[in-house]
Structures are given as structure tokens and as C-alpha cells.
N, C-alpha and C. Protein backbone atom coordinates (compact mmCIF):
# COMPACT_ATOMS: atom_id res chain seq x y z
N MET A 1 -30.56 13.74 -151.79
CA MET A 1 -29.59 13.57 -152.73
C MET A 1 -29.73 14.02 -154.20
N THR A 2 -28.82 14.67 -154.83
CA THR A 2 -29.13 15.28 -156.22
C THR A 2 -29.09 14.15 -157.12
N MET A 3 -30.13 14.17 -157.96
CA MET A 3 -30.31 13.24 -159.00
C MET A 3 -30.43 13.90 -160.34
N LEU A 4 -29.66 13.25 -161.24
CA LEU A 4 -29.75 13.78 -162.70
C LEU A 4 -30.32 12.64 -163.50
N TYR A 5 -31.28 12.89 -164.36
CA TYR A 5 -32.15 12.01 -165.19
C TYR A 5 -31.74 12.16 -166.51
N GLY A 6 -31.43 11.19 -167.37
CA GLY A 6 -31.07 11.27 -168.71
C GLY A 6 -30.41 10.21 -169.28
N SER A 7 -29.95 10.41 -170.76
CA SER A 7 -29.40 9.32 -171.41
C SER A 7 -27.87 9.79 -171.66
N VAL A 8 -26.88 8.92 -171.78
CA VAL A 8 -25.40 9.14 -172.11
C VAL A 8 -25.31 9.71 -173.52
N ARG A 9 -26.29 9.53 -174.18
CA ARG A 9 -26.46 9.77 -175.59
C ARG A 9 -26.97 11.40 -175.93
N SER A 10 -27.48 11.76 -174.87
CA SER A 10 -27.87 13.30 -174.86
C SER A 10 -26.65 14.36 -174.58
N THR A 11 -26.34 15.16 -175.51
CA THR A 11 -25.33 16.11 -175.41
C THR A 11 -25.90 17.12 -174.03
N ALA A 12 -27.16 17.43 -174.00
CA ALA A 12 -27.59 18.33 -172.86
C ALA A 12 -27.29 17.57 -171.57
N LEU A 13 -27.40 16.21 -171.60
CA LEU A 13 -27.02 15.76 -170.12
C LEU A 13 -25.50 15.76 -170.12
N LEU A 14 -24.73 15.60 -171.12
CA LEU A 14 -23.27 15.60 -170.82
C LEU A 14 -22.76 16.89 -170.24
N LEU A 15 -23.44 18.09 -170.83
CA LEU A 15 -23.16 19.41 -170.34
C LEU A 15 -23.49 19.54 -168.94
N ALA A 16 -24.49 18.84 -168.50
CA ALA A 16 -24.96 19.08 -167.00
C ALA A 16 -24.05 18.32 -166.21
N VAL A 17 -23.56 17.21 -166.77
CA VAL A 17 -22.64 16.22 -166.08
C VAL A 17 -21.42 16.93 -165.85
N ALA A 18 -20.78 17.77 -166.82
CA ALA A 18 -19.70 18.58 -166.88
C ALA A 18 -19.58 19.57 -165.83
N ALA A 19 -20.91 20.26 -165.69
CA ALA A 19 -21.06 21.30 -164.73
C ALA A 19 -20.78 20.56 -163.27
N PHE A 20 -21.24 19.44 -163.08
CA PHE A 20 -21.29 18.71 -161.78
C PHE A 20 -19.86 18.49 -161.62
N HIS A 21 -19.07 17.92 -162.63
CA HIS A 21 -17.66 17.62 -162.38
C HIS A 21 -16.69 18.77 -162.09
N GLU A 22 -17.13 19.81 -162.91
CA GLU A 22 -16.27 21.21 -162.91
C GLU A 22 -16.44 21.71 -161.36
N LYS A 23 -17.54 21.59 -160.70
CA LYS A 23 -17.90 22.24 -159.36
C LYS A 23 -17.42 21.18 -158.22
N CYS A 24 -17.22 20.04 -158.73
CA CYS A 24 -16.60 18.91 -157.69
C CYS A 24 -17.97 18.42 -156.88
N VAL A 25 -19.12 18.42 -157.27
CA VAL A 25 -20.34 18.06 -156.90
C VAL A 25 -20.72 16.80 -157.14
N GLU A 26 -21.13 15.80 -155.91
CA GLU A 26 -21.50 14.47 -156.29
C GLU A 26 -23.24 14.41 -156.63
N PHE A 27 -23.56 13.55 -157.66
CA PHE A 27 -24.87 13.40 -157.84
C PHE A 27 -24.93 11.90 -158.20
N LYS A 28 -26.29 11.65 -158.34
CA LYS A 28 -26.61 10.44 -158.62
C LYS A 28 -27.46 10.16 -160.25
N PHE A 29 -26.86 9.53 -161.05
CA PHE A 29 -27.38 9.32 -162.39
C PHE A 29 -28.12 8.38 -162.46
N VAL A 30 -29.46 8.83 -163.03
CA VAL A 30 -30.45 7.90 -163.39
C VAL A 30 -30.88 7.84 -164.78
N PRO A 31 -30.35 6.58 -165.30
CA PRO A 31 -30.59 6.44 -166.93
C PRO A 31 -32.01 6.55 -167.16
N ILE A 32 -32.20 7.22 -168.35
CA ILE A 32 -33.65 7.02 -169.11
C ILE A 32 -33.35 6.48 -170.45
N ASN A 33 -34.32 5.41 -170.71
CA ASN A 33 -34.06 4.66 -171.80
C ASN A 33 -34.93 5.24 -172.92
N PHE A 34 -34.31 5.80 -173.91
CA PHE A 34 -34.98 6.43 -175.21
C PHE A 34 -35.56 5.32 -176.07
N ALA A 35 -34.74 4.07 -176.07
CA ALA A 35 -35.20 3.03 -177.07
C ALA A 35 -36.80 2.56 -176.58
N THR A 36 -37.15 2.65 -175.28
CA THR A 36 -38.41 2.34 -175.04
C THR A 36 -39.48 3.45 -174.63
N GLY A 37 -38.89 4.74 -175.11
CA GLY A 37 -39.56 5.71 -174.95
C GLY A 37 -40.04 6.27 -173.61
N GLU A 38 -39.13 5.70 -172.55
CA GLU A 38 -39.31 6.11 -171.21
C GLU A 38 -39.52 7.72 -170.79
N GLU A 39 -39.04 8.51 -171.46
CA GLU A 39 -38.90 9.99 -171.56
C GLU A 39 -40.16 10.44 -171.79
N LYS A 40 -41.19 9.88 -172.60
CA LYS A 40 -42.47 10.24 -172.95
C LYS A 40 -43.44 9.60 -172.11
N LYS A 41 -43.10 8.94 -171.11
CA LYS A 41 -44.12 8.36 -170.11
C LYS A 41 -43.90 8.81 -168.72
N GLU A 42 -45.06 8.54 -167.85
CA GLU A 42 -44.93 8.69 -166.40
C GLU A 42 -44.00 7.69 -165.88
N PRO A 43 -43.33 7.76 -164.85
CA PRO A 43 -43.24 8.86 -164.02
C PRO A 43 -42.26 10.04 -164.57
N TYR A 44 -41.58 9.73 -165.47
CA TYR A 44 -40.54 10.79 -166.01
C TYR A 44 -41.11 12.06 -166.45
N LEU A 45 -42.38 12.06 -167.16
CA LEU A 45 -43.09 13.32 -167.40
C LEU A 45 -43.50 14.03 -166.17
N SER A 46 -43.66 13.60 -165.16
CA SER A 46 -43.75 14.32 -164.00
C SER A 46 -42.52 15.17 -163.48
N LEU A 47 -41.28 14.72 -163.91
CA LEU A 47 -39.85 15.61 -163.70
C LEU A 47 -39.66 16.50 -164.89
N ASN A 48 -39.99 16.01 -166.14
CA ASN A 48 -39.95 17.05 -167.31
C ASN A 48 -40.99 16.94 -168.10
N PRO A 49 -42.02 17.79 -168.02
CA PRO A 49 -43.15 17.68 -168.77
C PRO A 49 -43.23 17.84 -170.33
N PHE A 50 -42.01 18.22 -170.70
CA PHE A 50 -41.59 18.22 -172.20
C PHE A 50 -41.09 16.96 -172.76
N GLY A 51 -40.90 16.19 -171.89
CA GLY A 51 -40.26 14.63 -172.20
C GLY A 51 -39.05 14.69 -172.93
N LYS A 52 -38.17 15.75 -172.25
CA LYS A 52 -36.88 15.86 -172.86
C LYS A 52 -35.70 15.54 -171.73
N VAL A 53 -34.63 15.40 -171.96
CA VAL A 53 -33.39 15.33 -170.96
C VAL A 53 -32.48 16.43 -171.04
N PRO A 54 -32.11 16.63 -169.98
CA PRO A 54 -31.81 16.18 -168.67
C PRO A 54 -33.10 16.63 -167.82
N ALA A 55 -33.23 16.01 -166.52
CA ALA A 55 -34.05 16.47 -165.46
C ALA A 55 -33.23 16.36 -164.35
N TYR A 56 -33.48 17.51 -163.46
CA TYR A 56 -32.64 17.59 -162.32
C TYR A 56 -33.48 17.79 -160.94
N VAL A 57 -33.11 16.84 -160.07
CA VAL A 57 -33.77 16.87 -158.77
C VAL A 57 -32.90 17.14 -157.59
N ASP A 58 -33.15 18.13 -156.92
CA ASP A 58 -32.30 18.41 -155.53
C ASP A 58 -33.21 18.54 -154.61
N GLY A 59 -33.71 17.76 -153.67
CA GLY A 59 -34.69 17.92 -152.54
C GLY A 59 -35.79 18.11 -153.31
N ASP A 60 -36.33 19.45 -152.86
CA ASP A 60 -37.78 19.94 -153.22
C ASP A 60 -37.55 20.55 -154.76
N LEU A 61 -36.39 20.92 -155.16
CA LEU A 61 -36.09 21.68 -156.51
C LEU A 61 -36.23 20.70 -157.55
N ASN A 62 -36.98 21.01 -158.75
CA ASN A 62 -36.87 20.11 -159.81
C ASN A 62 -36.78 20.92 -160.98
N LEU A 63 -35.72 20.82 -161.68
CA LEU A 63 -35.34 21.71 -162.97
C LEU A 63 -35.49 20.88 -164.13
N PHE A 64 -35.91 21.27 -165.33
CA PHE A 64 -35.89 20.35 -166.55
C PHE A 64 -35.36 21.07 -167.72
N GLU A 65 -34.82 22.38 -167.60
CA GLU A 65 -34.10 23.04 -168.55
C GLU A 65 -32.60 23.10 -168.36
N LEU A 66 -31.94 22.77 -169.27
CA LEU A 66 -30.34 22.69 -169.26
C LEU A 66 -29.74 24.01 -168.73
N ARG A 67 -30.00 25.15 -169.18
CA ARG A 67 -29.54 26.35 -168.52
C ARG A 67 -29.67 26.55 -167.30
N ALA A 68 -31.06 26.33 -166.91
CA ALA A 68 -31.53 26.63 -165.32
C ALA A 68 -30.62 25.67 -164.54
N THR A 69 -30.23 24.58 -165.07
CA THR A 69 -29.80 23.51 -164.13
C THR A 69 -28.25 23.98 -164.14
N THR A 70 -27.63 24.09 -165.02
CA THR A 70 -26.30 24.57 -165.02
C THR A 70 -26.00 25.90 -164.19
N LYS A 71 -26.85 26.69 -164.50
CA LYS A 71 -26.63 28.04 -163.52
C LYS A 71 -27.13 27.62 -162.06
N HIS A 72 -27.90 26.87 -161.78
CA HIS A 72 -28.24 26.50 -160.27
C HIS A 72 -26.88 25.96 -159.82
N ILE A 73 -26.31 24.88 -160.63
CA ILE A 73 -25.20 24.18 -160.03
C ILE A 73 -24.06 25.17 -159.84
N ALA A 74 -23.66 26.15 -160.68
CA ALA A 74 -22.78 27.17 -160.55
C ALA A 74 -23.19 28.13 -159.34
N PHE A 75 -24.10 28.60 -159.28
CA PHE A 75 -24.58 29.47 -158.17
C PHE A 75 -24.61 28.85 -156.84
N GLU A 76 -25.30 27.60 -156.90
CA GLU A 76 -25.54 26.79 -155.50
C GLU A 76 -24.02 26.43 -154.88
N HIS A 77 -23.05 26.12 -155.65
CA HIS A 77 -21.82 25.54 -155.24
C HIS A 77 -20.90 26.53 -155.53
N HIS A 78 -21.03 27.79 -155.40
CA HIS A 78 -20.02 28.93 -155.59
C HIS A 78 -18.93 28.52 -154.58
N GLY A 79 -17.75 28.82 -154.91
CA GLY A 79 -16.64 28.57 -154.29
C GLY A 79 -15.93 27.18 -154.26
N LYS A 80 -16.66 26.35 -154.83
CA LYS A 80 -16.14 24.86 -154.98
C LYS A 80 -15.68 24.71 -156.47
N GLY A 81 -14.75 24.07 -156.60
CA GLY A 81 -14.15 23.67 -158.08
C GLY A 81 -13.88 24.83 -158.92
N THR A 82 -14.25 24.63 -160.04
CA THR A 82 -13.98 25.70 -161.32
C THR A 82 -15.05 26.82 -161.18
N GLU A 83 -14.67 27.94 -161.24
CA GLU A 83 -15.62 29.11 -161.17
C GLU A 83 -16.31 29.16 -162.69
N LEU A 84 -17.62 28.72 -162.80
CA LEU A 84 -18.34 28.76 -163.92
C LEU A 84 -19.05 30.17 -164.29
N VAL A 85 -19.32 30.99 -163.24
CA VAL A 85 -20.01 32.05 -163.56
C VAL A 85 -19.19 33.30 -162.74
N TYR A 86 -18.92 34.30 -163.61
CA TYR A 86 -18.16 35.50 -162.91
C TYR A 86 -18.94 36.55 -162.74
N GLN A 87 -18.78 36.99 -161.49
CA GLN A 87 -19.32 38.18 -161.11
C GLN A 87 -18.98 39.57 -161.33
N ASP A 88 -17.77 39.53 -161.54
CA ASP A 88 -16.98 40.82 -161.75
C ASP A 88 -16.42 40.92 -163.24
N LEU A 89 -17.49 41.53 -164.11
CA LEU A 89 -17.32 41.64 -165.53
C LEU A 89 -16.12 42.37 -165.81
N LYS A 90 -15.58 43.22 -165.13
CA LYS A 90 -14.48 43.99 -165.41
C LYS A 90 -13.19 43.36 -165.56
N LYS A 91 -13.05 42.20 -164.94
CA LYS A 91 -12.04 41.14 -164.89
C LYS A 91 -11.96 40.56 -166.37
N LEU A 92 -13.24 40.37 -166.99
CA LEU A 92 -13.29 39.78 -168.05
C LEU A 92 -13.43 40.71 -169.54
N ALA A 93 -13.80 41.87 -169.20
CA ALA A 93 -13.90 42.89 -170.39
C ALA A 93 -12.65 43.15 -170.98
N PRO A 94 -12.67 43.15 -172.42
CA PRO A 94 -11.58 43.51 -173.12
C PRO A 94 -11.27 45.19 -173.00
N VAL A 95 -12.34 45.79 -172.96
CA VAL A 95 -12.28 47.24 -172.75
C VAL A 95 -12.97 47.70 -171.53
N SER A 96 -13.02 48.84 -171.17
CA SER A 96 -13.41 49.33 -169.80
C SER A 96 -14.93 49.39 -169.89
N VAL A 97 -15.65 48.76 -169.04
CA VAL A 97 -17.26 48.80 -169.00
C VAL A 97 -17.91 50.01 -168.30
N ASP A 98 -16.86 50.88 -167.99
CA ASP A 98 -17.54 52.18 -167.16
C ASP A 98 -17.54 53.33 -168.19
N GLY A 99 -17.38 53.04 -169.27
CA GLY A 99 -17.27 54.05 -170.64
C GLY A 99 -16.02 54.88 -170.64
N GLY A 100 -15.08 54.62 -169.66
CA GLY A 100 -13.77 55.35 -169.92
C GLY A 100 -12.71 54.75 -170.52
């Protein structure tokens, strides 16, 4: 089961949640209590050694950096939901990318 750890007060967590929803991927949210300093204690530090949120766990994969998490979601679930990463830059470029 895909797990996302964090606090709803965290902008970074909300960006990861947005990626999950855009890709139509189910996940389990595990709240981390900032008021008690839970993010700075074990067992959470074993998921994110920097004591920040979010932390993402999918089987044996553990990511604790937002960009890595959202890229993983985008590539792992390619073809589902909204396309978050475009492979063909020529479709996006306002001018020719081949120099012509």
C-alpha cells in the first residue's frame, strides 16, 4: 500500500497529494503531529532523516523529497489521469528546438 506521511498544514504534503489526485492513484495518508514534534522522533526519522514532511513509502521504495516523490508518481503512473511530465518537448516549445 502506498503511504504518504505528513501534516495537512504542510504545503509540500499538499503538492504530493495533488500529484496523487491528478494521476488518480489511491494512497493512505498517515498524519504526523507537528505539535508534539513527531517529525523529529523515531520511527518517523527512519522514513525521513531530515525530520521534514512529506515522506512517501511504496513497498520497498522510501522517498523523502517532494520533487522525487512527485516525479516518481508521474512516471510510475504514466498513462493514468492527467499527464504531469511531457516527454515530447517539441509539443511544448514556443520555438523550434532543432535550431530551425
